[in-house]
Amino acid sequence: MSSPDRLPIRRALLSVSDKAGLITLGKALVAQGAQLLSTGGSAKALREAGLDVTDVSDHTGFPEILDGRVKTLVPQIHGGILGRRDLASHLAQMDEHQIAPIDLVCVNLYPFAATVASGAGAEDCIENIDIGGPALIRAAAKNHDHVVILTEPAQYDALIASLAQGGSTLAERQLWAGAAYAHTAAYDAMIASWFAGQRGEALPETMTLSGSRRELLRYGENPHQNAAFYVTAEKRYGIATATQIQGKALSYNNLNDTDAAFEAVAEFDKPSVVIVKHANPCGVASAETLESAWKSALKCDPVSAFGGIVALNRPLDEATAEQIATIFTEVIVAPDATEGAKAVLSRKKNLRLLLTGGVPSATSEGLTFKSVAGGFLAQSRDAGQVTVADLRVVTKRAPTDAEMADLLFAFRVAKHVKSNAVIYAKDRATVGIGAGQMSRVDSARIAARKSLDAAEAAGESVALTQGSVAASDAFFPFADGLESVIAAGAVAVIQPGGSIRDQEVIDAADAAGIAMVFTGMRHFRH
């Protein structure tokens, strides 16, 4: 199949919902001698800019019908796009049926996603499902040897530059054709997802994922891996909505850890701070002020906090920024920041400050995904939370009110720590975190050992876990895990329960005189 190296534009069809850059493109095309075809609002905008435009209905001799549902779905348009200029038979048929070639199609689609996001009813959403647009895009992309397809205003400048050189190159048209099919695929994926939602199917039989590349990353988890950051249509405050105020480019690990930290801090109602290292919290605290929460969170594990990620659920203030700036921190993420806080952090040139615009709901619905060989796993987000009313006291001694508050705090932290997870907490602050061990006993012991190190760093002689409460993300299968927690100094425990040896574990708690409650809810995180 032959194709011209440079493709001049003699006739262009412009029909866009997003009018950004439309006039500039139209003027550039007219300057090169192109005839403009258009419809509706696009034609009106071009005419108001002083450009000569032919309505599609005048070009085809067929009016728009069915309230505009049919205007470009006619042979005079699709024949002009799909006809191959290198086949005499195609050219003969186009001439026989008076079909003029169309060399450029510039289309972007009805704003379906925006209509859904506005809360519009089903009828309005369906009316904003574009039919002619995707057909035009796919036709032009298929015949990209002879036709230019543009679907994004960001592509216009490159075409305008090419027009000055005699027209687009085949390589450019191939690039835009690929982008066009990605555009319609993402559009159809949104519509399919909406229909699944209308049916109440969170996990439909066929699931199509789509994302727009936000940026190429220097590398993935390790330097020999390639990586990129993609954003989806999900409207959730976090790294996808964040504006980077300062600092060097974010890495794959930075993004992953920052997401983990911000999702964790969203669990808490009071001013809270979460410090994350390698996707696990190493310090979490809630207090009356962010500054107090920061100090308590840092005390849990000041060694791991070095080079970590700090997440806050309130706008960052100047006093807290001054405190955080005393140690090396990779990223700070918050819903907002005061000008004073920004000024403080500006002295740390490599520190990244991300402002998300809000805090995500810890209880909102949504899906999370993991890749596996040959496919992916999808599940609903862990939006589970327990309250005092959900708890069942299983020991002779019931927790005090203060212990109960700490138990609920610790269990929310456990939800964001890799399994097996054991958390010690006191006064709404973690004092020991054991994460990611194959044995729950090891998690309990590691957390206790780290609390001794933290006490030493704080100049205290007693482990921070003395008099604390403990949370386990899943049940204790044997009494040995609970006994390790008791040995660390915990006086109350929260766990899901459900083991065939629950009574053995309860008996061990009663023998030690501690309180224990069952949640009936597990929080595995792998």
Protein backbone atom coordinates (compact mmCIF):
# COMPACT_ATOMS: atom_id res chain seq x y z
CA MET A 1 0.00 0.00 0.00
CA SER A 2 1.47 3.33 -1.03
CA SER A 3 1.00 6.58 0.83
CA PRO A 4 2.28 10.12 0.38
CA ASP A 5 5.19 11.09 2.58
CA ARG A 6 3.46 14.42 3.25
CA LEU A 7 -0.31 14.70 3.24
CA PRO A 8 -1.74 18.13 2.34
CA ILE A 9 -5.21 18.95 3.70
CA ARG A 10 -7.74 19.98 1.06
CA ARG A 11 -10.90 19.23 3.01
CA ALA A 12 -11.27 18.96 6.81
CA LEU A 13 -14.17 17.89 9.00
CA LEU A 14 -14.13 19.66 12.38
CA SER A 15 -16.76 18.64 14.96
CA VAL A 16 -15.70 18.88 18.59
CA SER A 17 -17.24 19.13 22.06
CA ASP A 18 -14.05 20.65 23.48
CA LYS A 19 -13.59 23.89 21.54
CA ALA A 20 -10.10 24.63 22.93
CA GLY A 21 -7.75 25.47 20.05
CA LEU A 22 -10.48 25.01 17.43
CA ILE A 23 -10.22 28.52 15.97
CA THR A 24 -6.43 28.41 15.77
CA LEU A 25 -6.61 25.09 13.95
CA GLY A 26 -9.35 26.31 11.61
CA LYS A 27 -7.38 29.42 10.67
CA ALA A 28 -4.24 27.38 9.96
CA LEU A 29 -6.19 25.01 7.72
CA VAL A 30 -7.84 27.83 5.78
CA ALA A 31 -4.46 29.53 5.36
CA GLN A 32 -3.27 26.36 3.60
CA GLY A 33 -6.31 26.39 1.30
CA ALA A 34 -8.44 23.76 3.03
CA GLN A 35 -12.24 23.68 2.88
CA LEU A 36 -13.86 23.38 6.33
CA LEU A 37 -16.82 21.10 6.99
CA SER A 38 -18.50 21.29 10.37
CA THR A 39 -21.63 20.80 12.45
CA GLY A 40 -23.58 22.54 15.21
CA GLY A 41 -21.62 24.48 17.79
CA SER A 42 -18.29 23.94 16.05
CA ALA A 43 -19.58 25.48 12.84
CA LYS A 44 -21.03 28.41 14.79
CA ALA A 45 -17.73 29.06 16.61
CA LEU A 46 -15.73 28.93 13.36
CA ARG A 47 -18.12 31.33 11.61
CA GLU A 48 -18.01 33.77 14.51
CA ALA A 49 -14.24 33.78 14.09
CA GLY A 50 -14.73 34.92 10.47
CA LEU A 51 -13.98 31.58 8.79
CA ASP A 52 -15.89 30.18 5.80
CA VAL A 53 -17.53 26.92 6.85
CA THR A 54 -19.74 24.44 4.98
CA ASP A 55 -22.35 22.68 7.06
CA VAL A 56 -22.17 18.90 6.77
CA SER A 57 -25.85 18.82 5.79
CA ASP A 58 -25.13 21.15 2.84
CA HIS A 59 -22.12 19.04 1.84
CA THR A 60 -24.11 15.79 1.89
CA GLY A 61 -27.45 17.13 0.72
CA PHE A 62 -29.03 15.30 3.66
CA PRO A 63 -30.38 17.17 6.71
CA GLU A 64 -29.66 16.39 10.33
CA ILE A 65 -32.47 14.18 11.63
CA LEU A 66 -33.66 12.56 14.84
CA ASP A 67 -32.71 15.55 17.00
CA GLY A 68 -29.18 15.50 15.64
CA ARG A 69 -28.61 11.80 16.32
CA VAL A 70 -27.95 11.34 12.60
CA LYS A 71 -25.87 13.94 10.80
CA THR A 72 -22.52 12.38 9.79
CA LEU A 73 -23.61 8.74 9.42
CA VAL A 74 -23.97 9.01 5.65
CA PRO A 75 -21.97 7.67 2.66
CA GLN A 76 -20.87 11.15 1.54
CA ILE A 77 -18.97 11.51 4.82
CA HIS A 78 -17.75 7.99 5.52
CA GLY A 79 -17.00 7.32 1.88
CA GLY A 80 -14.91 10.49 1.81
CA ILE A 81 -12.97 9.29 4.83
CA LEU A 82 -12.61 5.58 4.08
CA GLY A 83 -11.91 5.77 0.35
CA ARG A 84 -8.36 4.68 -0.51
CA ARG A 85 -6.61 7.19 -2.70
CA ASP A 86 -4.20 4.54 -4.01
CA LEU A 87 -6.94 2.29 -5.45
CA ALA A 88 -8.41 3.26 -8.80
CA SER A 89 -11.60 1.32 -8.05
CA HIS A 90 -12.20 3.38 -4.89
CA LEU A 91 -11.56 6.64 -6.69
CA ALA A 92 -13.91 5.61 -9.49
CA GLN A 93 -16.72 4.77 -7.07
CA MET A 94 -16.20 8.02 -5.17
CA ASP A 95 -16.41 9.93 -8.45
CA GLU A 96 -19.49 7.97 -9.56
CA HIS A 97 -21.35 8.80 -6.33
CA GLN A 98 -20.00 12.35 -6.08
CA ILE A 99 -18.13 11.64 -2.85
CA ALA A 100 -15.41 14.21 -2.14
CA PRO A 101 -12.30 13.04 -0.22
CA ILE A 102 -11.94 14.23 3.37
CA ASP A 103 -8.30 14.51 4.41
CA LEU A 104 -8.66 15.50 8.06
CA VAL A 105 -11.13 14.49 10.76
CA CYS A 106 -10.94 16.43 14.02
CA VAL A 107 -13.44 15.05 16.51
CA ASN A 108 -13.75 14.73 20.26
CA LEU A 109 -16.73 13.11 21.82
CA TYR A 110 -19.85 14.09 23.70
CA PRO A 111 -18.97 14.70 27.38
CA PHE A 112 -20.37 11.44 28.72
CA ALA A 113 -18.13 11.30 31.82
CA ALA A 114 -18.91 14.90 32.74
CA THR A 115 -22.62 14.25 32.33
CA VAL A 116 -22.49 11.26 34.65
CA ALA A 117 -20.37 13.18 37.17
CA SER A 118 -22.93 16.01 37.19
CA GLY A 119 -25.52 13.63 38.63
CA ALA A 120 -27.67 13.69 35.49
CA GLY A 121 -30.40 11.11 35.07
CA ALA A 122 -30.14 8.02 32.89
CA GLU A 123 -31.90 9.66 29.91
CA ASP A 124 -29.43 12.56 29.79
CA CYS A 125 -26.50 10.18 30.17
CA ILE A 126 -27.71 8.07 27.26
CA GLU A 127 -28.18 11.16 25.08
CA ASN A 128 -24.52 11.98 25.74
CA ILE A 129 -23.35 8.66 24.33
CA ASP A 130 -21.70 9.69 21.08
CA ILE A 131 -22.34 7.45 18.06
CA GLY A 132 -21.29 9.45 15.00
CA GLY A 133 -18.10 10.69 16.68
CA PRO A 134 -16.59 7.26 17.40
CA ALA A 135 -17.58 6.10 13.90
CA LEU A 136 -15.75 9.07 12.33
CA ILE A 137 -12.72 8.57 14.53
CA ARG A 138 -12.42 4.86 13.83
CA ALA A 139 -12.93 5.36 10.09
CA ALA A 140 -10.26 8.04 9.84
CA ALA A 141 -7.84 6.07 12.03
CA LYS A 142 -8.32 2.97 9.89
CA ASN A 143 -7.50 4.94 6.74
CA HIS A 144 -4.61 6.86 8.33
CA ASP A 145 -2.45 6.27 5.23
CA HIS A 146 -4.58 8.93 3.58
CA VAL A 147 -6.43 10.72 6.38
CA VAL A 148 -5.35 12.64 9.49
CA ILE A 149 -7.31 11.95 12.70
CA LEU A 150 -7.09 14.34 15.65
CA THR A 151 -8.93 13.67 18.92
CA GLU A 152 -7.20 16.01 21.41
CA PRO A 153 -6.49 19.77 21.32
CA ALA A 154 -2.94 18.94 22.45
CA GLN A 155 -2.33 17.45 18.97
CA TYR A 156 -3.21 20.59 17.02
CA ASP A 157 0.13 22.37 17.28
CA ALA A 158 2.01 19.42 15.80
CA LEU A 159 -0.34 19.30 12.81
CA ILE A 160 -0.12 23.08 12.29
CA ALA A 161 3.67 22.80 12.26
CA SER A 162 3.45 19.98 9.72
CA LEU A 163 1.15 21.98 7.45
CA ALA A 164 3.93 24.52 7.00
CA GLN A 165 6.14 21.68 5.76
CA GLY A 166 3.61 20.45 3.21
CA GLY A 167 1.47 18.26 5.43
CA SER A 168 1.66 15.50 8.01
CA THR A 169 4.00 12.54 7.74
CA LEU A 170 2.91 8.91 7.81
CA ALA A 171 4.63 8.48 11.17
CA GLU A 172 2.54 11.31 12.60
CA ARG A 173 -0.66 9.86 11.21
CA GLN A 174 0.17 6.44 12.65
CA LEU A 175 0.76 8.03 16.05
CA TRP A 176 -2.54 9.91 15.96
CA ALA A 177 -4.41 6.83 14.71
CA GLY A 178 -3.18 4.81 17.69
CA ALA A 179 -4.21 7.62 20.03
CA ALA A 180 -7.62 7.70 18.35
CA TYR A 181 -8.34 4.03 19.02
CA ALA A 182 -7.18 4.47 22.63
CA HIS A 183 -9.55 7.44 22.88
CA THR A 184 -12.61 5.51 21.70
CA ALA A 185 -11.64 2.45 23.76
CA ALA A 186 -11.51 4.56 26.93
CA TYR A 187 -14.83 6.18 26.01
CA ASP A 188 -16.52 2.82 25.48
CA ALA A 189 -15.01 1.52 28.74
CA MET A 190 -16.60 4.43 30.64
CA ILE A 191 -19.98 3.70 29.08
CA ALA A 192 -19.74 -0.02 29.80
CA SER A 193 -18.83 0.75 33.41
CA TRP A 194 -21.82 3.09 33.72
CA PHE A 195 -24.20 0.43 32.38
CA ALA A 196 -22.77 -2.08 34.87
CA GLY A 197 -23.42 0.44 37.62
CA GLN A 198 -27.00 0.88 36.42
CA ARG A 199 -27.41 -2.89 36.79
CA GLY A 200 -25.80 -2.82 40.23
CA GLU A 201 -22.87 -4.97 39.08
CA ALA A 202 -19.63 -3.93 40.75
CA LEU A 203 -17.86 -6.87 39.11
CA PRO A 204 -19.36 -7.31 35.61
CA GLU A 205 -18.70 -10.32 33.41
CA THR A 206 -16.39 -8.25 31.19
CA MET A 207 -14.30 -5.48 32.72
CA THR A 208 -12.26 -3.03 30.67
CA LEU A 209 -9.77 -0.79 32.43
CA SER A 210 -8.54 2.45 30.91
CA GLY A 211 -6.16 5.14 32.09
CA SER A 212 -4.44 8.20 30.72
CA ARG A 213 -0.69 8.38 31.15
CA ARG A 214 0.13 11.23 33.50
CA GLU A 215 3.88 10.80 33.19
CA LEU A 216 6.68 8.42 32.36
CA LEU A 217 8.72 7.59 35.45
CA ARG A 218 12.48 7.23 35.53
CA TYR A 219 12.07 3.55 36.47
CA GLY A 220 9.87 1.20 38.48
CA GLU A 221 10.50 -0.41 41.85
CA ASN A 222 14.05 -1.05 40.66
CA PRO A 223 16.22 0.72 38.07
CA HIS A 224 15.97 -2.12 35.54
CA GLN A 225 12.14 -1.84 35.42
CA ASN A 226 10.15 0.57 33.23
CA ALA A 227 7.22 2.45 34.75
CA ALA A 228 4.58 5.12 34.18
CA PHE A 229 1.80 6.76 36.19
CA TYR A 230 -1.72 6.49 34.75
CA VAL A 231 -4.88 8.16 36.02
CA THR A 232 -8.38 6.73 35.69
CA ALA A 233 -11.85 8.22 35.72
CA GLU A 234 -12.25 7.54 39.46
CA LYS A 235 -12.93 10.76 41.36
CA ARG A 236 -10.99 10.22 44.57
CA TYR A 237 -8.71 12.67 46.35
CA GLY A 238 -5.13 11.45 46.39
CA ILE A 239 -2.05 11.33 44.22
CA ALA A 240 -4.15 11.54 41.04
CA THR A 241 -5.62 14.88 42.13
CA ALA A 242 -2.44 16.22 43.73
CA THR A 243 -0.56 19.31 42.63
CA GLN A 244 3.18 19.11 43.25
CA ILE A 245 4.23 22.40 44.81
CA GLN A 246 7.96 21.74 44.95
CA GLY A 247 10.68 19.11 44.81
CA LYS A 248 12.18 16.77 42.26
CA ALA A 249 10.20 14.31 40.16
CA LEU A 250 8.33 11.58 41.98
CA SER A 251 9.43 7.98 41.56
CA TYR A 252 7.31 4.83 41.29
CA ASN A 253 8.04 4.00 44.94
CA ASN A 254 7.28 7.58 46.02
CA LEU A 255 3.86 7.41 44.37
CA ASN A 256 3.07 3.98 45.78
CA ASP A 257 4.11 4.94 49.32
CA THR A 258 2.35 8.31 49.17
CA ASP A 259 -0.89 6.64 48.16
CA ALA A 260 -0.57 4.19 51.06
CA ALA A 261 0.09 7.02 53.52
CA PHE A 262 -2.77 9.24 52.36
CA GLU A 263 -5.29 6.39 52.33
CA ALA A 264 -4.25 5.51 55.89
CA VAL A 265 -4.52 9.05 57.28
CA ALA A 266 -8.01 9.35 55.80
CA GLU A 267 -9.22 6.81 58.39
CA PHE A 268 -9.14 9.34 61.22
CA ASP A 269 -11.44 12.21 62.15
CA LYS A 270 -9.13 14.21 64.41
CA PRO A 271 -6.00 15.96 63.12
CA SER A 272 -3.74 13.02 62.25
CA VAL A 273 -0.35 12.15 60.83
CA VAL A 274 0.80 8.94 59.18
CA ILE A 275 4.47 8.25 58.42
CA VAL A 276 5.04 5.50 55.86
CA LYS A 277 8.18 3.64 54.85
CA HIS A 278 8.07 1.02 52.09
CA ALA A 279 4.25 1.11 51.96
CA ASN A 280 3.88 0.33 55.70
CA PRO A 281 3.03 2.86 58.41
CA CYS A 282 5.89 3.27 60.87
CA GLY A 283 4.12 5.92 62.96
CA VAL A 284 0.49 7.01 63.26
CA ALA A 285 -1.12 9.44 65.67
CA SER A 286 -4.25 11.55 66.19
CA ALA A 287 -4.29 14.62 68.44
CA GLU A 288 -5.84 18.03 68.89
CA THR A 289 -3.24 19.62 66.57
CA LEU A 290 -1.16 18.38 63.66
CA GLU A 291 2.02 19.38 65.45
CA SER A 292 1.17 17.17 68.44
CA ALA A 293 0.15 14.31 66.13
CA TRP A 294 3.46 14.62 64.26
CA LYS A 295 5.51 14.40 67.46
CA SER A 296 3.62 11.32 68.66
CA ALA A 297 3.80 9.59 65.27
CA LEU A 298 7.53 10.24 64.98
CA LYS A 299 8.21 8.90 68.48
CA CYS A 300 6.93 5.44 67.47
CA ASP A 301 9.86 4.76 65.12
CA PRO A 302 12.17 7.74 64.48
CA VAL A 303 14.71 5.55 62.68
CA SER A 304 12.30 4.29 60.01
CA ALA A 305 10.77 7.75 59.64
CA PHE A 306 14.03 9.02 58.12
CA GLY A 307 13.45 9.26 54.36
CA GLY A 308 9.78 8.42 54.75
CA ILE A 309 6.46 9.74 53.48
CA VAL A 310 4.34 11.99 55.71
CA ALA A 311 0.58 12.25 55.20
CA LEU A 312 -1.77 14.65 56.99
CA ASN A 313 -5.56 14.88 56.98
CA ARG A 314 -5.62 18.62 57.61
CA PRO A 315 -3.99 21.55 55.78
CA LEU A 316 -0.32 21.70 56.72
CA ASP A 317 0.42 24.63 59.04
CA GLU A 318 3.70 26.46 59.56
CA ALA A 319 4.44 25.05 63.03
CA THR A 320 4.02 21.46 61.86
CA ALA A 321 6.07 22.14 58.75
CA GLU A 322 8.91 23.41 60.93
CA GLN A 323 8.84 20.17 62.93
CA ILE A 324 8.72 17.88 59.90
CA ALA A 325 11.57 19.82 58.26
CA THR A 326 13.92 18.78 61.06
CA ILE A 327 14.35 15.32 59.52
CA PHE A 328 14.89 14.11 55.97
CA THR A 329 11.52 13.43 54.37
CA GLU A 330 10.87 12.30 50.79
CA VAL A 331 7.25 13.47 50.40
CA ILE A 332 4.66 15.39 52.39
CA VAL A 333 1.07 14.97 51.21
CA ALA A 334 -1.84 16.99 52.59
CA PRO A 335 -5.16 18.38 51.39
CA ASP A 336 -3.67 21.91 51.46
CA ALA A 337 -0.95 24.02 53.08
CA THR A 338 -0.65 27.56 54.42
CA GLU A 339 1.66 30.02 52.72
CA GLY A 340 3.82 29.95 55.85
CA ALA A 341 4.17 26.16 55.63
CA LYS A 342 5.11 26.39 51.96
CA ALA A 343 7.75 28.98 52.77
CA VAL A 344 9.26 26.75 55.47
CA LEU A 345 9.46 23.74 53.15
CA SER A 346 10.84 25.78 50.25
CA ARG A 347 14.20 25.61 52.05
CA LYS A 348 14.17 21.83 51.44
CA LYS A 349 14.64 21.82 47.67
CA ASN A 350 14.41 18.05 47.20
CA LEU A 351 11.37 17.52 49.43
CA ARG A 352 8.20 16.99 47.43
CA LEU A 353 5.07 18.73 48.69
CA LEU A 354 1.81 17.39 47.25
CA LEU A 355 -1.54 19.08 47.83
CA THR A 356 -4.54 16.96 46.91
CA GLY A 357 -7.43 19.39 47.35
CA GLY A 358 -9.25 17.14 49.81
CA VAL A 359 -9.19 13.91 51.82
CA PRO A 360 -10.71 10.68 50.42
CA SER A 361 -13.58 8.99 52.20
CA ALA A 362 -12.39 5.91 54.07
CA THR A 363 -15.80 4.30 53.67
CA SER A 364 -16.58 5.06 50.01
CA GLU A 365 -17.14 2.32 47.47
CA GLY A 366 -14.70 1.51 44.68
CA LEU A 367 -12.48 -1.22 43.33
CA THR A 368 -8.82 -2.06 43.78
CA PHE A 369 -6.75 -4.20 41.42
CA LYS A 370 -3.71 -6.47 41.41
CA SER A 371 -2.08 -8.06 38.40
CA VAL A 372 -1.52 -11.79 38.19
CA ALA A 373 -0.02 -13.82 35.35
CA GLY A 374 -2.53 -13.70 32.51
CA GLY A 375 -5.04 -11.47 34.24
CA PHE A 376 -5.88 -9.34 37.23
CA LEU A 377 -7.76 -9.55 40.50
CA ALA A 378 -10.45 -7.03 41.36
CA GLN A 379 -12.09 -6.46 44.72
CA SER A 380 -14.07 -3.80 46.50
CA ARG A 381 -11.99 -1.33 48.49
CA ASP A 382 -11.60 -2.26 52.18
CA ALA A 383 -14.06 0.32 53.47
CA GLY A 384 -14.85 -1.64 56.61
CA GLN A 385 -14.80 0.12 59.98
CA VAL A 386 -15.93 -1.05 63.39
CA THR A 387 -17.48 0.99 66.20
CA VAL A 388 -17.99 0.27 69.88
CA ALA A 389 -21.41 -1.17 69.04
CA ASP A 390 -19.79 -3.77 66.76
CA LEU A 391 -17.41 -5.10 69.41
CA ARG A 392 -17.96 -8.16 71.58
CA VAL A 393 -16.19 -8.30 74.93
CA VAL A 394 -15.03 -11.91 75.40
CA THR A 395 -12.98 -11.63 78.61
CA LYS A 396 -13.93 -11.23 82.25
CA ARG A 397 -12.53 -7.72 82.26
CA ALA A 398 -14.02 -5.18 79.85
CA PRO A 399 -11.86 -2.40 78.42
CA THR A 400 -12.04 1.04 80.03
CA ASP A 401 -13.36 3.91 77.93
CA ALA A 402 -9.80 5.11 77.30
CA GLU A 403 -8.68 1.62 76.31
CA MET A 404 -11.68 1.24 74.01
CA ALA A 405 -10.79 4.44 72.16
CA ASP A 406 -7.22 3.22 71.71
CA LEU A 407 -8.40 -0.20 70.57
CA LEU A 408 -10.54 1.30 67.81
CA PHE A 409 -7.64 3.55 66.79
CA ALA A 410 -5.19 0.63 66.67
CA PHE A 411 -7.55 -1.53 64.62
CA ARG A 412 -7.90 1.21 62.01
CA VAL A 413 -4.12 1.40 61.79
CA ALA A 414 -3.93 -2.41 61.39
CA LYS A 415 -6.11 -2.11 58.29
CA HIS A 416 -3.22 -0.33 56.52
CA VAL A 417 -0.31 -2.49 57.70
CA LYS A 418 0.83 -5.49 55.67
CA SER A 419 -0.23 -8.84 57.12
CA ASN A 420 0.53 -10.36 59.49
CA ALA A 421 0.06 -7.11 61.41
CA VAL A 422 0.23 -6.40 65.13
CA ILE A 423 -0.14 -2.81 66.36
CA TYR A 424 0.50 -1.41 69.83
CA ALA A 425 -1.08 1.97 70.64
CA LYS A 426 -1.46 4.37 73.55
CA ASP A 427 -3.26 7.71 73.71
CA ARG A 428 -4.27 7.50 70.00
CA ALA A 429 -0.69 7.00 68.86
CA THR A 430 1.15 3.91 67.72
CA VAL A 431 3.97 2.79 70.00
CA GLY A 432 4.96 -0.34 68.11
CA ILE A 433 4.17 -1.75 64.65
CA GLY A 434 4.92 -5.29 63.44
CA ALA A 435 4.27 -5.83 59.73
CA GLY A 436 4.48 -8.35 56.96
CA GLN A 437 5.67 -11.40 58.89
CA MET A 438 4.82 -15.00 58.11
CA SER A 439 4.10 -15.57 61.81
CA ARG A 440 1.84 -13.40 63.96
CA VAL A 441 4.09 -14.16 66.92
CA ASP A 442 7.02 -12.62 65.03
CA SER A 443 4.99 -9.50 64.23
CA ALA A 444 4.12 -9.10 67.91
CA ARG A 445 7.75 -9.55 68.98
CA ILE A 446 9.19 -7.26 66.31
CA ALA A 447 6.76 -4.49 67.26
CA ALA A 448 7.72 -4.87 70.92
CA ARG A 449 11.43 -4.84 70.07
CA LYS A 450 11.04 -1.66 68.04
CA SER A 451 9.18 -0.03 70.92
CA LEU A 452 12.24 -0.61 73.11
CA ASP A 453 14.40 1.10 70.50
CA ALA A 454 11.95 4.00 70.31
CA ALA A 455 11.92 4.35 74.11
CA GLU A 456 15.72 4.46 74.14
CA ALA A 457 15.72 7.14 71.43
CA ALA A 458 13.26 9.17 73.55
CA GLY A 459 15.41 8.79 76.64
CA GLU A 460 12.93 6.52 78.39
CA SER A 461 13.85 3.34 80.26
CA VAL A 462 10.60 1.40 79.76
CA ALA A 463 9.29 0.07 76.46
CA LEU A 464 6.56 2.24 74.97
CA THR A 465 4.30 -0.79 74.81
CA GLN A 466 3.95 -0.97 78.60
CA GLY A 467 0.32 -0.18 79.39
CA SER A 468 -0.65 -0.05 75.71
CA VAL A 469 -3.42 -1.77 73.79
CA ALA A 470 -2.78 -4.14 70.89
CA ALA A 471 -4.57 -4.82 67.62
CA SER A 472 -4.24 -7.82 65.34
CA ASP A 473 -5.50 -7.66 61.76
CA ALA A 474 -6.63 -11.30 61.91
CA PHE A 475 -7.35 -13.80 64.67
CA PHE A 476 -4.70 -15.37 66.86
CA PRO A 477 -4.59 -19.03 65.74
CA PHE A 478 -2.90 -20.04 69.01
CA ALA A 479 -2.43 -18.48 72.40
CA ASP A 480 1.31 -17.91 71.78
CA GLY A 481 0.67 -14.76 69.74
CA LEU A 482 -1.48 -13.26 72.48
CA GLU A 483 1.09 -14.27 75.10
CA SER A 484 3.73 -12.31 73.16
CA VAL A 485 1.45 -9.28 73.21
CA ILE A 486 0.91 -9.66 76.95
CA ALA A 487 4.66 -10.01 77.51
CA ALA A 488 5.14 -6.69 75.69
CA GLY A 489 2.95 -4.99 78.28
CA ALA A 490 -0.41 -4.69 76.49
CA VAL A 491 -3.43 -4.46 78.81
CA ALA A 492 -6.21 -4.78 76.20
CA VAL A 493 -6.45 -6.47 72.80
CA ILE A 494 -8.68 -6.12 69.75
CA GLN A 495 -8.85 -8.91 67.15
CA PRO A 496 -11.40 -10.39 64.74
CA GLY A 497 -11.88 -13.72 66.51
CA GLY A 498 -13.06 -16.78 64.63
CA SER A 499 -10.28 -19.27 65.36
CA ILE A 500 -11.16 -22.82 66.40
CA ARG A 501 -8.90 -22.09 69.39
CA ASP A 502 -10.61 -18.85 70.39
CA GLN A 503 -11.37 -20.22 73.85
CA GLU A 504 -7.73 -21.07 74.44
CA VAL A 505 -6.81 -17.48 73.53
CA ILE A 506 -9.58 -16.06 75.74
CA ASP A 507 -8.43 -18.19 78.66
CA ALA A 508 -4.87 -16.84 78.25
CA ALA A 509 -6.22 -13.29 78.31
CA ASP A 510 -8.27 -13.96 81.45
CA ALA A 511 -5.30 -15.60 83.15
CA ALA A 512 -3.29 -12.39 82.54
CA GLY A 513 -6.16 -10.14 83.61
CA ILE A 514 -6.30 -8.21 80.34
CA ALA A 515 -9.37 -7.17 78.36
CA MET A 516 -10.09 -8.48 74.87
CA VAL A 517 -12.74 -7.68 72.28
CA PHE A 518 -13.68 -9.39 69.04
CA THR A 519 -14.58 -7.36 65.93
CA GLY A 520 -15.89 -10.07 63.61
CA MET A 521 -14.06 -8.22 60.81
CA ARG A 522 -10.62 -9.05 59.37
CA HIS A 523 -8.25 -6.61 57.66
CA PHE A 524 -5.72 -8.66 55.68
CA ARG A 525 -3.50 -6.52 53.43
CA HIS A 526 -1.06 -8.32 51.16
